[in-house]
């Protein structure tokens, strides 16, 4: 069996290697999906040893994802909408996620987790707090959190 280990994440993907067939291409797609999913929390520290993929394939996957994330971040910065400006003025430190040109994250006011913003819809949403809304709703949320801390 072949395995690819992510240092720090202590995770391993294990799969028998049978060549460049449909099964192998499916494993590559799953590996790319995994990298895209965990990029907020952990990025592969580098190629360790040949297994599911060789170094060139690994480098190709990570280079492709990094390029896409950087392009999306740049596009997002070029098209800031009202929700981003309001979040910045409120001190929530919004940053593009890179997932899409309209996806941003910021500090959830008074909490230790992020909230997310979509500039295409001009809304915010926090899955942890179960809150969402417009820029005006974000202002109200910050005011509410500030009152509860006093």
N, C-alpha and C. Protein backbone atom coordinates (compact mmCIF):
# COMPACT_ATOMS: atom_id res chain seq x y z
N UNK A 1 0.84 -1.18 0.00
CA UNK A 1 0.00 0.00 0.00
C UNK A 1 0.87 1.24 0.00
N UNK A 2 0.40 2.28 -0.68
CA UNK A 2 1.12 3.55 -0.74
C UNK A 2 0.46 4.51 0.23
N UNK A 3 1.25 5.43 0.77
CA UNK A 3 0.63 6.44 1.63
C UNK A 3 1.34 7.77 1.50
N UNK A 4 0.59 8.83 1.72
CA UNK A 4 1.08 10.20 1.69
C UNK A 4 0.78 10.78 3.06
N UNK A 5 1.79 11.29 3.74
CA UNK A 5 1.60 11.78 5.10
C UNK A 5 1.74 13.29 5.11
N UNK A 6 0.86 13.96 5.85
CA UNK A 6 0.90 15.40 6.02
C UNK A 6 1.48 15.67 7.39
N UNK A 7 2.68 16.21 7.46
CA UNK A 7 3.29 16.54 8.75
C UNK A 7 2.42 17.56 9.46
N UNK A 8 2.31 17.43 10.75
CA UNK A 8 1.52 18.37 11.54
C UNK A 8 0.07 17.96 11.61
N UNK A 9 -0.52 17.62 10.49
CA UNK A 9 -1.92 17.21 10.49
C UNK A 9 -2.05 15.77 10.97
N UNK A 10 -0.95 15.03 10.89
CA UNK A 10 -0.94 13.63 11.31
C UNK A 10 -2.03 12.83 10.60
N UNK A 11 -2.15 13.05 9.32
CA UNK A 11 -3.15 12.35 8.52
C UNK A 11 -2.45 11.58 7.43
N UNK A 12 -3.00 10.47 7.03
CA UNK A 12 -2.43 9.69 5.94
C UNK A 12 -3.55 9.23 5.02
N UNK A 13 -3.28 9.26 3.74
CA UNK A 13 -4.19 8.70 2.76
C UNK A 13 -3.54 7.40 2.27
N UNK A 14 -4.26 6.32 2.31
CA UNK A 14 -3.70 5.03 1.93
C UNK A 14 -4.54 4.44 0.80
N UNK A 15 -3.85 3.96 -0.23
CA UNK A 15 -4.56 3.39 -1.37
C UNK A 15 -3.60 2.51 -2.17
N UNK A 16 -4.05 1.39 -2.68
CA UNK A 16 -3.19 0.60 -3.55
C UNK A 16 -2.96 1.35 -4.86
N UNK A 17 -1.75 1.24 -5.41
CA UNK A 17 -1.43 1.94 -6.66
C UNK A 17 -1.51 0.95 -7.82
N UNK A 18 -2.33 1.28 -8.81
CA UNK A 18 -2.50 0.37 -9.96
C UNK A 18 -2.20 1.06 -11.28
N UNK A 19 -1.50 2.18 -11.26
CA UNK A 19 -1.18 2.85 -12.52
C UNK A 19 -2.13 3.99 -12.80
N UNK A 20 -1.98 4.57 -13.98
CA UNK A 20 -2.75 5.74 -14.36
C UNK A 20 -4.08 5.34 -15.00
N UNK A 21 -4.94 4.76 -14.20
CA UNK A 21 -6.27 4.37 -14.66
C UNK A 21 -7.31 5.28 -14.03
N UNK A 22 -8.55 4.98 -14.25
CA UNK A 22 -9.64 5.78 -13.70
C UNK A 22 -9.57 5.84 -12.19
N UNK A 23 -9.24 4.73 -11.57
CA UNK A 23 -9.14 4.69 -10.12
C UNK A 23 -8.05 5.65 -9.62
N UNK A 24 -6.92 5.68 -10.32
CA UNK A 24 -5.83 6.56 -9.94
C UNK A 24 -6.23 8.02 -10.12
N UNK A 25 -6.89 8.34 -11.23
CA UNK A 25 -7.34 9.72 -11.46
C UNK A 25 -8.36 10.14 -10.41
N UNK A 26 -9.18 9.22 -9.96
CA UNK A 26 -10.13 9.50 -8.88
C UNK A 26 -9.38 9.83 -7.60
N UNK A 27 -8.33 9.07 -7.30
CA UNK A 27 -7.53 9.35 -6.11
C UNK A 27 -6.87 10.73 -6.20
N UNK A 28 -6.39 11.08 -7.41
CA UNK A 28 -5.80 12.41 -7.59
C UNK A 28 -6.83 13.50 -7.32
N UNK A 29 -8.04 13.31 -7.83
CA UNK A 29 -9.11 14.29 -7.61
C UNK A 29 -9.43 14.42 -6.13
N UNK A 30 -9.46 13.29 -5.43
CA UNK A 30 -9.74 13.32 -3.99
C UNK A 30 -8.61 14.01 -3.23
N UNK A 31 -7.37 13.78 -3.65
CA UNK A 31 -6.24 14.43 -3.01
C UNK A 31 -6.31 15.94 -3.21
N UNK A 32 -6.62 16.36 -4.43
CA UNK A 32 -6.76 17.79 -4.70
C UNK A 32 -7.90 18.39 -3.88
N UNK A 33 -9.01 17.68 -3.79
CA UNK A 33 -10.14 18.15 -3.00
C UNK A 33 -9.75 18.27 -1.52
N UNK A 34 -8.99 17.30 -1.03
CA UNK A 34 -8.52 17.35 0.35
C UNK A 34 -7.66 18.60 0.59
N UNK A 35 -6.71 18.87 -0.31
CA UNK A 35 -5.86 20.05 -0.18
C UNK A 35 -6.71 21.31 -0.16
N UNK A 36 -7.69 21.39 -1.04
CA UNK A 36 -8.55 22.57 -1.11
C UNK A 36 -9.37 22.73 0.18
N UNK A 37 -9.78 21.62 0.77
CA UNK A 37 -10.60 21.65 1.97
C UNK A 37 -9.82 22.11 3.19
N UNK A 38 -8.58 21.68 3.32
CA UNK A 38 -7.81 21.98 4.53
C UNK A 38 -6.94 23.22 4.42
N UNK A 39 -6.96 23.91 3.29
CA UNK A 39 -6.03 25.03 3.10
C UNK A 39 -6.20 26.13 4.14
N UNK A 40 -7.37 26.25 4.79
CA UNK A 40 -7.56 27.25 5.85
C UNK A 40 -6.73 26.89 7.09
N UNK A 41 -6.57 25.59 7.34
CA UNK A 41 -6.01 25.12 8.59
C UNK A 41 -4.58 24.60 8.47
N UNK A 42 -4.28 23.96 7.37
CA UNK A 42 -2.98 23.32 7.22
C UNK A 42 -2.68 23.16 5.74
N UNK A 43 -1.45 23.42 5.39
CA UNK A 43 -1.02 23.22 4.02
C UNK A 43 0.07 22.15 4.05
N UNK A 44 0.11 21.25 3.08
CA UNK A 44 1.16 20.24 3.08
C UNK A 44 2.54 20.91 3.18
N UNK A 45 3.35 20.43 4.09
CA UNK A 45 4.66 21.06 4.33
C UNK A 45 5.65 20.76 3.21
N UNK A 46 5.32 19.86 2.35
CA UNK A 46 6.20 19.51 1.23
C UNK A 46 6.07 18.04 0.91
N UNK A 47 6.65 17.68 -0.19
CA UNK A 47 6.62 16.29 -0.63
C UNK A 47 7.54 15.46 0.26
N UNK A 48 7.05 14.32 0.71
CA UNK A 48 7.84 13.48 1.61
C UNK A 48 8.42 12.28 0.87
N UNK A 49 7.55 11.50 0.26
CA UNK A 49 8.04 10.34 -0.50
C UNK A 49 6.98 9.91 -1.51
N UNK A 50 7.43 9.23 -2.52
CA UNK A 50 6.53 8.78 -3.57
C UNK A 50 5.59 7.72 -3.02
N UNK A 51 4.34 7.81 -3.41
CA UNK A 51 3.33 6.87 -2.96
C UNK A 51 2.15 6.97 -3.90
N UNK A 52 1.10 7.64 -3.46
CA UNK A 52 -0.07 7.86 -4.30
C UNK A 52 0.32 8.68 -5.52
N UNK A 53 1.19 9.66 -5.30
CA UNK A 53 1.67 10.52 -6.38
C UNK A 53 3.18 10.66 -6.30
N UNK A 54 3.78 11.03 -7.40
CA UNK A 54 5.21 11.34 -7.38
C UNK A 54 5.38 12.84 -7.12
N UNK A 55 6.63 13.29 -6.97
CA UNK A 55 6.90 14.69 -6.62
C UNK A 55 6.37 15.66 -7.66
N UNK A 56 6.51 15.35 -8.94
CA UNK A 56 6.03 16.25 -10.00
C UNK A 56 4.51 16.43 -9.93
N UNK A 57 3.79 15.34 -9.69
CA UNK A 57 2.34 15.41 -9.60
C UNK A 57 1.93 16.20 -8.36
N UNK A 58 2.57 15.93 -7.23
CA UNK A 58 2.31 16.66 -5.99
C UNK A 58 2.54 18.15 -6.19
N UNK A 59 3.71 18.50 -6.75
CA UNK A 59 4.02 19.90 -7.00
C UNK A 59 3.02 20.54 -7.96
N UNK A 60 2.59 19.79 -8.96
CA UNK A 60 1.60 20.30 -9.91
C UNK A 60 0.27 20.61 -9.26
N UNK A 61 -0.18 19.71 -8.39
CA UNK A 61 -1.46 19.91 -7.69
C UNK A 61 -1.37 21.14 -6.78
N UNK A 62 -0.31 21.20 -5.95
CA UNK A 62 -0.21 22.32 -5.01
C UNK A 62 0.01 23.64 -5.73
N UNK A 63 0.79 23.63 -6.82
CA UNK A 63 1.02 24.86 -7.60
C UNK A 63 -0.29 25.35 -8.21
N UNK A 64 -1.08 24.44 -8.75
CA UNK A 64 -2.37 24.79 -9.37
C UNK A 64 -3.31 25.43 -8.33
N UNK A 65 -3.39 24.82 -7.16
CA UNK A 65 -4.29 25.33 -6.12
C UNK A 65 -3.80 26.69 -5.62
N UNK A 66 -2.50 26.82 -5.35
CA UNK A 66 -1.96 28.09 -4.87
C UNK A 66 -2.21 29.21 -5.88
N UNK A 67 -2.01 28.92 -7.15
CA UNK A 67 -2.23 29.92 -8.20
C UNK A 67 -3.69 30.36 -8.22
N UNK A 68 -4.59 29.40 -8.13
CA UNK A 68 -6.02 29.71 -8.13
C UNK A 68 -6.40 30.54 -6.90
N UNK A 69 -5.88 30.18 -5.73
CA UNK A 69 -6.17 30.93 -4.51
C UNK A 69 -5.67 32.37 -4.63
N UNK A 70 -4.44 32.53 -5.16
CA UNK A 70 -3.88 33.87 -5.32
C UNK A 70 -4.67 34.71 -6.32
N UNK A 71 -5.07 34.09 -7.43
CA UNK A 71 -5.87 34.82 -8.43
C UNK A 71 -7.21 35.26 -7.85
N UNK A 72 -7.86 34.36 -7.11
CA UNK A 72 -9.15 34.70 -6.49
C UNK A 72 -8.99 35.80 -5.44
N UNK A 73 -7.90 35.73 -4.65
CA UNK A 73 -7.66 36.78 -3.66
C UNK A 73 -7.49 38.14 -4.33
N UNK A 74 -6.72 38.17 -5.41
CA UNK A 74 -6.49 39.43 -6.13
C UNK A 74 -7.79 39.98 -6.70
N UNK A 75 -8.60 39.12 -7.32
CA UNK A 75 -9.89 39.56 -7.86
C UNK A 75 -10.79 40.09 -6.75
N UNK A 76 -10.77 39.42 -5.59
CA UNK A 76 -11.60 39.86 -4.47
C UNK A 76 -11.17 41.25 -4.00
N UNK A 77 -9.88 41.47 -3.89
CA UNK A 77 -9.37 42.77 -3.43
C UNK A 77 -9.74 43.90 -4.39
N UNK A 78 -9.87 43.57 -5.68
CA UNK A 78 -10.22 44.57 -6.68
C UNK A 78 -11.70 44.93 -6.65
N UNK A 79 -12.53 44.08 -6.03
CA UNK A 79 -13.98 44.31 -6.04
C UNK A 79 -14.57 44.28 -4.63
N UNK A 80 -14.04 45.11 -3.74
CA UNK A 80 -14.59 45.19 -2.39
C UNK A 80 -15.97 45.83 -2.45
N UNK A 81 -16.90 45.25 -1.74
CA UNK A 81 -18.26 45.79 -1.68
C UNK A 81 -18.50 46.40 -0.31
N UNK A 82 -19.70 46.91 -0.11
CA UNK A 82 -20.06 47.58 1.13
C UNK A 82 -19.85 46.69 2.36
N UNK A 83 -20.18 45.42 2.28
CA UNK A 83 -20.05 44.53 3.46
C UNK A 83 -18.59 44.45 3.91
N UNK A 84 -17.66 44.48 2.98
CA UNK A 84 -16.23 44.41 3.31
C UNK A 84 -15.78 45.72 3.95
N UNK A 85 -16.22 46.83 3.37
CA UNK A 85 -15.85 48.15 3.92
C UNK A 85 -16.41 48.32 5.34
N UNK A 86 -17.63 47.88 5.55
CA UNK A 86 -18.24 47.97 6.88
C UNK A 86 -17.47 47.08 7.86
N UNK A 87 -17.16 45.85 7.46
CA UNK A 87 -16.41 44.94 8.34
C UNK A 87 -15.04 45.53 8.69
N UNK A 88 -14.39 46.15 7.73
CA UNK A 88 -13.08 46.77 7.98
C UNK A 88 -13.24 47.94 8.97
N UNK A 89 -14.26 48.79 8.75
CA UNK A 89 -14.49 49.93 9.64
C UNK A 89 -14.85 49.48 11.06
N UNK A 90 -15.42 48.29 11.18
CA UNK A 90 -15.78 47.75 12.49
C UNK A 90 -14.60 47.05 13.17
N UNK A 91 -13.47 46.97 12.48
CA UNK A 91 -12.28 46.34 13.05
C UNK A 91 -12.29 44.83 13.00
N UNK A 92 -13.02 44.26 12.04
CA UNK A 92 -13.13 42.80 11.95
C UNK A 92 -12.07 42.16 11.05
N UNK A 93 -11.23 42.97 10.46
CA UNK A 93 -10.09 42.52 9.65
C UNK A 93 -10.47 41.53 8.54
N UNK A 94 -11.30 41.94 7.61
CA UNK A 94 -11.68 41.03 6.51
C UNK A 94 -10.51 40.74 5.57
N UNK A 95 -10.45 39.50 5.11
CA UNK A 95 -9.43 39.04 4.17
C UNK A 95 -10.08 38.09 3.17
N UNK A 96 -9.68 38.15 1.92
CA UNK A 96 -10.21 37.18 0.94
C UNK A 96 -9.79 35.77 1.32
N UNK A 97 -10.67 34.81 1.11
CA UNK A 97 -10.33 33.41 1.41
C UNK A 97 -9.54 32.77 0.27
N UNK A 98 -9.76 33.26 -0.96
CA UNK A 98 -9.14 32.65 -2.12
C UNK A 98 -10.00 31.57 -2.75
N UNK A 99 -11.05 31.15 -2.05
CA UNK A 99 -11.91 30.10 -2.59
C UNK A 99 -12.65 30.54 -3.84
N UNK A 100 -13.03 31.80 -3.87
CA UNK A 100 -13.69 32.37 -5.04
C UNK A 100 -13.43 33.88 -5.00
N UNK A 101 -13.67 34.59 -6.09
CA UNK A 101 -13.45 36.04 -6.09
C UNK A 101 -14.41 36.81 -5.19
N UNK A 102 -15.43 36.14 -4.67
CA UNK A 102 -16.41 36.83 -3.82
C UNK A 102 -16.41 36.33 -2.37
N UNK A 103 -15.47 35.46 -2.01
CA UNK A 103 -15.46 34.84 -0.68
C UNK A 103 -14.43 35.50 0.23
N UNK A 104 -14.90 35.97 1.39
CA UNK A 104 -14.06 36.64 2.38
C UNK A 104 -14.32 36.04 3.76
N UNK A 105 -13.36 36.20 4.66
CA UNK A 105 -13.57 35.83 6.07
C UNK A 105 -13.08 37.00 6.92
N UNK A 106 -13.63 37.08 8.12
CA UNK A 106 -13.26 38.13 9.07
C UNK A 106 -13.45 37.58 10.48
N UNK A 107 -13.02 38.35 11.46
CA UNK A 107 -13.23 37.97 12.85
C UNK A 107 -14.71 38.11 13.19
N UNK A 108 -15.29 37.11 13.79
CA UNK A 108 -16.66 37.26 14.28
C UNK A 108 -16.57 38.15 15.52
N UNK A 109 -17.36 39.22 15.59
CA UNK A 109 -17.22 40.19 16.68
C UNK A 109 -17.36 39.55 18.06
N UNK A 110 -16.31 39.76 18.88
CA UNK A 110 -16.34 39.27 20.25
C UNK A 110 -16.15 37.78 20.41
N UNK A 111 -15.83 37.07 19.35
CA UNK A 111 -15.69 35.62 19.39
C UNK A 111 -14.30 35.21 18.91
N UNK A 112 -13.98 33.94 19.05
CA UNK A 112 -12.69 33.42 18.61
C UNK A 112 -12.80 32.54 17.37
N UNK A 113 -13.71 32.88 16.50
CA UNK A 113 -13.86 32.13 15.25
C UNK A 113 -14.16 33.12 14.12
N UNK A 114 -14.03 32.66 12.88
CA UNK A 114 -14.29 33.57 11.76
C UNK A 114 -15.77 33.60 11.39
N UNK A 115 -16.14 34.66 10.73
CA UNK A 115 -17.40 34.70 10.00
C UNK A 115 -17.02 34.87 8.54
N UNK A 116 -17.92 34.55 7.67
CA UNK A 116 -17.65 34.60 6.24
C UNK A 116 -18.56 35.61 5.57
N UNK A 117 -18.05 36.17 4.48
CA UNK A 117 -18.81 37.17 3.73
C UNK A 117 -18.78 36.81 2.25
N UNK A 118 -19.87 37.09 1.59
CA UNK A 118 -20.00 36.87 0.15
C UNK A 118 -20.28 38.22 -0.50
N UNK A 119 -19.31 38.69 -1.28
CA UNK A 119 -19.48 40.02 -1.89
C UNK A 119 -20.44 39.99 -3.07
N UNK A 120 -20.66 38.84 -3.63
CA UNK A 120 -21.63 38.74 -4.73
C UNK A 120 -23.04 39.03 -4.19
N UNK A 121 -23.34 38.49 -3.01
CA UNK A 121 -24.65 38.71 -2.38
C UNK A 121 -24.61 39.89 -1.40
N UNK A 122 -23.39 40.36 -1.06
CA UNK A 122 -23.18 41.45 -0.12
C UNK A 122 -23.76 41.12 1.26
N UNK A 123 -23.44 39.88 1.74
CA UNK A 123 -23.94 39.40 3.02
C UNK A 123 -22.81 38.78 3.84
N UNK A 124 -23.06 38.62 5.15
CA UNK A 124 -22.17 37.87 6.02
C UNK A 124 -22.93 36.68 6.57
N UNK A 125 -22.20 35.68 7.05
CA UNK A 125 -22.82 34.54 7.71
C UNK A 125 -21.81 33.90 8.65
N UNK A 126 -22.31 33.49 9.82
CA UNK A 126 -21.49 32.81 10.81
C UNK A 126 -22.19 31.52 11.19
N UNK A 127 -21.60 30.41 10.80
CA UNK A 127 -22.18 29.10 11.11
C UNK A 127 -22.16 28.78 12.59
N UNK A 128 -21.15 29.28 13.31
CA UNK A 128 -21.04 28.99 14.73
C UNK A 128 -22.14 29.72 15.50
N UNK A 129 -22.36 30.98 15.16
CA UNK A 129 -23.36 31.80 15.86
C UNK A 129 -24.76 31.69 15.26
N UNK A 130 -24.84 31.05 14.11
CA UNK A 130 -26.12 30.94 13.38
C UNK A 130 -26.70 32.32 13.08
N UNK A 131 -25.81 33.22 12.60
CA UNK A 131 -26.24 34.57 12.25
C UNK A 131 -25.85 34.86 10.81
N UNK A 132 -26.69 35.64 10.14
CA UNK A 132 -26.37 36.08 8.79
C UNK A 132 -27.15 37.35 8.51
N UNK A 133 -26.71 38.08 7.47
CA UNK A 133 -27.44 39.28 7.13
C UNK A 133 -26.62 40.24 6.28
N UNK A 134 -27.11 41.45 6.22
CA UNK A 134 -26.53 42.52 5.41
C UNK A 134 -25.48 43.28 6.22
N UNK A 135 -24.90 44.31 5.61
CA UNK A 135 -23.94 45.16 6.32
C UNK A 135 -24.59 45.80 7.54
N UNK A 136 -25.84 46.21 7.40
CA UNK A 136 -26.56 46.82 8.52
C UNK A 136 -26.73 45.82 9.66
N UNK A 137 -27.01 44.57 9.32
CA UNK A 137 -27.14 43.52 10.34
C UNK A 137 -25.80 43.25 11.03
N UNK A 138 -24.71 43.38 10.29
CA UNK A 138 -23.38 43.20 10.87
C UNK A 138 -23.09 44.31 11.88
N UNK A 139 -23.47 45.52 11.55
CA UNK A 139 -23.30 46.64 12.49
C UNK A 139 -24.09 46.37 13.77
N UNK A 140 -25.33 45.90 13.62
CA UNK A 140 -26.17 45.58 14.79
C UNK A 140 -25.56 44.46 15.62
N UNK A 141 -24.97 43.46 14.96
CA UNK A 141 -24.34 42.35 15.68
C UNK A 141 -23.16 42.86 16.51
N UNK A 142 -22.33 43.73 15.94
CA UNK A 142 -21.19 44.28 16.67
C UNK A 142 -21.69 45.11 17.85
N UNK A 143 -22.70 45.92 17.64
CA UNK A 143 -23.26 46.72 18.75
C UNK A 143 -23.80 45.81 19.85
N UNK A 144 -24.50 44.76 19.46
CA UNK A 144 -25.06 43.80 20.43
C UNK A 144 -23.94 43.14 21.24
N UNK A 145 -22.87 42.73 20.57
CA UNK A 145 -21.75 42.08 21.27
C UNK A 145 -21.03 43.07 22.18
N UNK A 146 -20.92 44.33 21.73
CA UNK A 146 -20.26 45.34 22.57
C UNK A 146 -21.07 45.61 23.83
N UNK A 147 -22.40 45.65 23.72
CA UNK A 147 -23.26 45.87 24.89
C UNK A 147 -23.16 44.70 25.87
N UNK A 148 -23.08 43.48 25.35
CA UNK A 148 -23.06 42.30 26.22
C UNK A 148 -21.73 42.17 26.97
N UNK A 149 -20.68 42.83 26.49
CA UNK A 149 -19.37 42.77 27.15
C UNK A 149 -19.25 43.80 28.28
N UNK A 150 -20.17 44.76 28.32
CA UNK A 150 -20.10 45.82 29.35
C UNK A 150 -20.72 45.41 30.63
